């Protein structure tokens, strides 16, 4: 985690350059690659999942958790990256 803090505090200009690589329609320009990784939320049980998520995601998600008997909520994180010369 300290690695990411370092990036955000010392390389903000590079970060903003990456963000600027989106066009007005939100499409990435060709120099960026996109990857997704699974970052599911794992809870002890269904009741724990509901208790810890309902305040943020609302009762609609709680109903989905109950209906699907989820103690693990699916989640994905998008990563946009490009190779740079060192």
Protein backbone atom coordinates (compact mmCIF):
# COMPACT_ATOMS: atom_id res chain seq x y z
CA UNK A 1 0.00 0.00 0.00
CA UNK A 2 2.85 2.40 0.70
CA UNK A 3 3.91 1.98 -2.91
CA UNK A 4 0.57 3.39 -4.08
CA UNK A 5 0.70 6.25 -1.59
CA UNK A 6 4.10 7.13 -2.94
CA UNK A 7 2.82 7.14 -6.51
CA UNK A 8 -0.14 9.37 -5.68
CA UNK A 9 1.90 11.82 -3.63
CA UNK A 10 4.96 12.07 -5.87
CA UNK A 11 3.64 11.39 -9.37
CA UNK A 12 0.29 13.18 -9.51
CA UNK A 13 1.18 14.77 -12.84
CA UNK A 14 1.68 11.32 -14.39
CA UNK A 15 -1.65 10.19 -12.98
CA UNK A 16 -3.44 13.18 -14.49
CA UNK A 17 -1.72 12.52 -17.80
CA UNK A 18 -3.20 9.01 -17.79
CA UNK A 19 -6.67 10.34 -17.02
CA UNK A 20 -6.36 12.78 -19.90
CA UNK A 21 -5.95 9.79 -22.22
CA UNK A 22 -9.75 9.37 -22.30
CA UNK A 23 -11.64 11.02 -25.11
CA UNK A 24 -14.84 13.00 -24.60
CA UNK A 25 -16.92 9.80 -24.83
CA UNK A 26 -14.92 8.15 -22.05
CA UNK A 27 -13.08 5.82 -24.43
CA UNK A 28 -9.45 5.11 -23.72
CA UNK A 29 -6.97 6.27 -26.27
CA UNK A 30 -4.88 3.56 -27.85
CA UNK A 31 -1.80 4.03 -25.67
CA UNK A 32 -3.60 2.71 -22.57
CA UNK A 33 -4.46 -0.90 -21.90
CA UNK A 34 -7.32 -1.93 -19.66
CA UNK A 35 -7.35 -4.91 -17.33
CA UNK A 36 -9.86 -6.09 -14.78
CA UNK A 37 -9.13 -8.04 -11.61
CA UNK A 38 -11.53 -9.73 -9.22
CA UNK A 39 -11.71 -7.94 -5.87
CA UNK A 40 -14.71 -9.67 -4.29
CA UNK A 41 -15.93 -8.81 -0.80
CA UNK A 42 -15.78 -11.91 1.44
CA UNK A 43 -17.92 -12.00 4.60
CA UNK A 44 -18.41 -14.54 7.41
CA UNK A 45 -21.98 -15.27 6.33
CA UNK A 46 -25.02 -13.74 4.62
CA UNK A 47 -26.09 -11.72 7.68
CA UNK A 48 -22.57 -10.26 7.98
CA UNK A 49 -22.61 -9.32 4.28
CA UNK A 50 -25.93 -7.51 4.67
CA UNK A 51 -24.93 -5.73 7.86
CA UNK A 52 -21.66 -4.43 6.41
CA UNK A 53 -22.93 -3.37 2.99
CA UNK A 54 -26.51 -2.13 3.33
CA UNK A 55 -25.60 1.27 4.79
CA UNK A 56 -23.55 2.05 1.68
CA UNK A 57 -25.18 0.13 -1.17
CA UNK A 58 -28.78 0.27 0.10
CA UNK A 59 -31.57 -2.25 0.65
CA UNK A 60 -31.70 -3.29 -3.01
CA UNK A 61 -28.31 -5.00 -2.75
CA UNK A 62 -29.34 -6.59 0.56
CA UNK A 63 -32.24 -8.23 -1.23
CA UNK A 64 -29.90 -9.53 -3.95
CA UNK A 65 -27.59 -10.92 -1.25
CA UNK A 66 -30.51 -12.72 0.41
CA UNK A 67 -31.94 -14.02 -2.87
CA UNK A 68 -28.56 -15.38 -4.01
CA UNK A 69 -27.37 -16.50 -0.55
CA UNK A 70 -24.13 -14.56 -1.01
CA UNK A 71 -21.48 -14.34 1.66
CA UNK A 72 -19.07 -13.35 -1.11
CA UNK A 73 -20.09 -10.32 -3.18
CA UNK A 74 -18.64 -10.15 -6.67
CA UNK A 75 -16.57 -7.07 -7.43
CA UNK A 76 -14.14 -6.08 -10.16
CA UNK A 77 -11.49 -3.38 -10.25
CA UNK A 78 -10.45 -1.77 -13.52
CA UNK A 79 -6.81 -0.96 -14.17
CA UNK A 80 -5.61 1.32 -16.94
CA UNK A 81 -1.92 1.19 -17.68
CA UNK A 82 0.75 1.85 -20.23
CA UNK A 83 4.38 0.93 -20.58
CA UNK A 84 6.81 3.78 -20.08
CA UNK A 85 10.51 3.97 -20.64
CA UNK A 86 12.63 3.95 -17.52
